[in-house]
Amino acid sequence: MRTLAAVPGRRSVVDYSLQRRAVLADVYAGRTGLFEVCDASPYLSRAAKYHGEPTDIACPLCRKERLTRVNYVYGEHLGATAGQAKTEAELARMDGAQQEFSVYCVEVCRGCGWNHLDFSYVLGVEPAPGHQPRRSRRRAATE
């Protein structure tokens, strides 16, 4: 049974398990080929190897390997950190130190290349109520 990672402060969780089940049903029924779903990029495979966290969940396709969970962070205020893979411990540290950012958790089989977006959520310091994000002062050129 899969569970969401235990990261305190997590909010706005989106679970993609229904989409995962639909993709797997299509594979099992022969409507989708393995080459279409076992397509982990070299970057994702490398992130799984060095930054991923192993799970107890067997790969739903090859059933030989355990899945690895990779967390990617994205946010307007993250700068060069945006798009990087982070461990659960790093996410916990970032939660109180960064403004609001999104985390996307991808499950990866390092054996066959299966990968799927597992869930996403928001971490970081919540903006004050009524606080609007600062807009750029640049204006479009007008004639």
Protein backbone atom coordinates (compact mmCIF):
# COMPACT_ATOMS: atom_id res chain seq x y z
CA MET A 1 0.00 0.00 0.00
CA ARG A 2 1.36 3.40 -0.91
CA THR A 3 1.28 6.36 1.43
CA LEU A 4 2.07 10.01 1.05
CA ALA A 5 5.43 11.03 2.45
CA ALA A 6 5.38 12.30 6.01
CA VAL A 7 6.40 15.90 5.43
CA PRO A 8 4.92 18.29 8.00
CA GLY A 9 3.32 21.44 6.62
CA ARG A 10 2.19 19.77 3.40
CA ARG A 11 -0.97 21.32 1.92
CA SER A 12 -2.92 21.44 -1.34
CA VAL A 13 -2.18 17.77 -2.01
CA VAL A 14 -3.09 16.38 -5.44
CA ASP A 15 -3.01 12.59 -5.70
CA TYR A 16 -2.59 11.09 -9.18
CA SER A 17 -3.37 7.49 -8.21
CA LEU A 18 -6.53 7.30 -10.35
CA GLN A 19 -4.56 8.38 -13.40
CA ARG A 20 -1.89 5.81 -12.51
CA ARG A 21 -4.49 3.06 -12.27
CA ALA A 22 -5.93 4.03 -15.69
CA VAL A 23 -2.48 3.95 -17.31
CA LEU A 24 -1.72 0.56 -15.78
CA ALA A 25 -5.12 -0.80 -16.86
CA ASP A 26 -4.34 0.28 -20.43
CA VAL A 27 -0.96 -1.47 -20.27
CA TYR A 28 -2.41 -4.68 -18.83
CA ALA A 29 -5.17 -4.66 -21.49
CA GLY A 30 -2.63 -4.18 -24.28
CA ARG A 31 -3.90 -0.74 -25.35
CA THR A 32 -0.62 0.92 -24.33
CA GLY A 33 2.83 -0.50 -24.99
CA LEU A 34 5.55 -0.82 -22.37
CA PHE A 35 7.79 1.45 -24.43
CA GLU A 36 5.27 4.26 -23.82
CA VAL A 37 5.32 4.02 -20.04
CA CYS A 38 8.81 2.67 -19.32
CA ASP A 39 10.45 5.80 -20.67
CA ALA A 40 12.31 7.36 -17.74
CA SER A 41 14.76 9.94 -19.06
CA PRO A 42 18.44 9.60 -18.18
CA TYR A 43 18.07 12.66 -15.93
CA LEU A 44 15.17 11.11 -14.03
CA SER A 45 17.03 7.80 -13.67
CA ARG A 46 20.10 9.63 -12.36
CA ALA A 47 17.98 11.67 -9.94
CA ALA A 48 16.40 8.44 -8.68
CA LYS A 49 19.84 6.93 -8.15
CA TYR A 50 21.40 9.86 -6.28
CA HIS A 51 18.49 11.82 -4.78
CA GLY A 52 15.60 9.37 -4.70
CA GLU A 53 14.24 7.59 -1.68
CA PRO A 54 13.48 3.88 -1.95
CA THR A 55 9.98 2.65 -1.16
CA ASP A 56 8.60 -0.79 -0.26
CA ILE A 57 6.37 -0.72 -3.35
CA ALA A 58 7.19 -3.21 -6.11
CA CYS A 59 7.21 -1.92 -9.68
CA PRO A 60 3.73 -2.58 -11.13
CA LEU A 61 5.25 -3.65 -14.47
CA CYS A 62 8.50 -5.59 -14.03
CA ARG A 63 7.78 -6.57 -10.39
CA LYS A 64 11.54 -7.09 -9.94
CA GLU A 65 12.56 -3.76 -8.44
CA ARG A 66 11.20 -1.54 -5.69
CA LEU A 67 10.08 1.91 -6.77
CA THR A 68 12.12 4.98 -5.91
CA ARG A 69 10.42 8.29 -5.13
CA VAL A 70 11.99 11.48 -6.49
CA ASN A 71 10.80 14.90 -5.25
CA TYR A 72 11.20 17.89 -7.56
CA VAL A 73 10.73 21.45 -6.30
CA TYR A 74 9.41 24.43 -8.26
CA GLY A 75 8.68 27.93 -7.11
CA GLU A 76 8.95 31.53 -8.13
CA HIS A 77 11.31 32.37 -5.27
CA LEU A 78 13.58 29.31 -5.38
CA GLY A 79 16.02 30.70 -7.93
CA ALA A 80 18.59 28.12 -9.02
CA THR A 81 17.02 25.50 -6.73
CA ALA A 82 13.86 25.35 -8.87
CA GLY A 83 13.64 22.10 -10.81
CA GLN A 84 16.06 20.24 -8.56
CA ALA A 85 15.45 16.87 -6.92
CA LYS A 86 15.32 17.03 -3.12
CA THR A 87 15.18 14.43 -0.34
CA GLU A 88 12.49 14.42 2.35
CA ALA A 89 15.00 15.85 4.85
CA GLU A 90 15.87 18.71 2.47
CA LEU A 91 12.17 19.42 1.94
CA ALA A 92 11.60 19.61 5.70
CA ARG A 93 14.44 22.16 6.00
CA MET A 94 13.15 24.18 3.04
CA ASP A 95 9.60 24.25 4.42
CA GLY A 96 10.29 26.84 7.10
CA ALA A 97 13.01 28.73 5.26
CA GLN A 98 11.44 29.36 1.85
CA GLN A 99 8.38 31.13 0.56
CA GLU A 100 5.65 28.92 -0.84
CA PHE A 101 6.80 26.36 -3.44
CA SER A 102 5.45 23.21 -5.11
CA VAL A 103 6.76 19.67 -4.76
CA TYR A 104 6.14 17.02 -7.43
CA CYS A 105 6.79 13.41 -6.40
CA VAL A 106 7.57 10.98 -9.19
CA GLU A 107 7.81 7.23 -8.72
CA VAL A 108 10.52 5.57 -10.78
CA CYS A 109 11.57 1.98 -11.38
CA ARG A 110 15.33 1.97 -11.85
CA GLY A 111 15.06 -1.45 -13.48
CA CYS A 112 12.52 -1.08 -16.29
CA GLY A 113 12.12 2.71 -16.45
CA TRP A 114 8.47 2.93 -15.33
CA ASN A 115 7.76 6.42 -14.05
CA HIS A 116 4.63 8.28 -13.08
CA LEU A 117 3.73 11.45 -11.23
CA ASP A 118 2.57 10.13 -7.87
CA PHE A 119 1.38 13.27 -6.09
CA SER A 120 2.10 16.96 -5.67
CA TYR A 121 1.74 19.39 -2.79
CA VAL A 122 2.73 22.82 -1.56
CA LEU A 123 5.27 23.64 1.15
CA GLY A 124 6.91 26.80 2.42
CA VAL A 125 5.84 29.84 4.36
CA GLU A 126 2.27 30.73 3.45
CA PRO A 127 1.70 34.30 2.29
CA ALA A 128 -0.16 36.54 4.71
CA PRO A 129 -3.93 36.69 4.13
CA GLY A 130 -4.79 39.34 1.56
CA HIS A 131 -1.18 39.59 0.46
CA GLN A 132 -0.89 39.76 -3.31
CA PRO A 133 2.31 38.59 -4.95
CA ARG A 134 4.38 41.49 -6.20
CA ARG A 135 3.89 42.10 -9.89
CA SER A 136 6.68 43.07 -12.19
CA ARG A 137 6.92 46.79 -12.80
CA ARG A 138 7.64 46.22 -16.45
CA ARG A 139 4.86 47.25 -18.76
CA ALA A 140 4.10 46.17 -22.24
CA ALA A 141 5.13 48.62 -24.91
CA THR A 142 2.19 50.67 -26.10
CA GLU A 143 1.87 52.63 -29.28
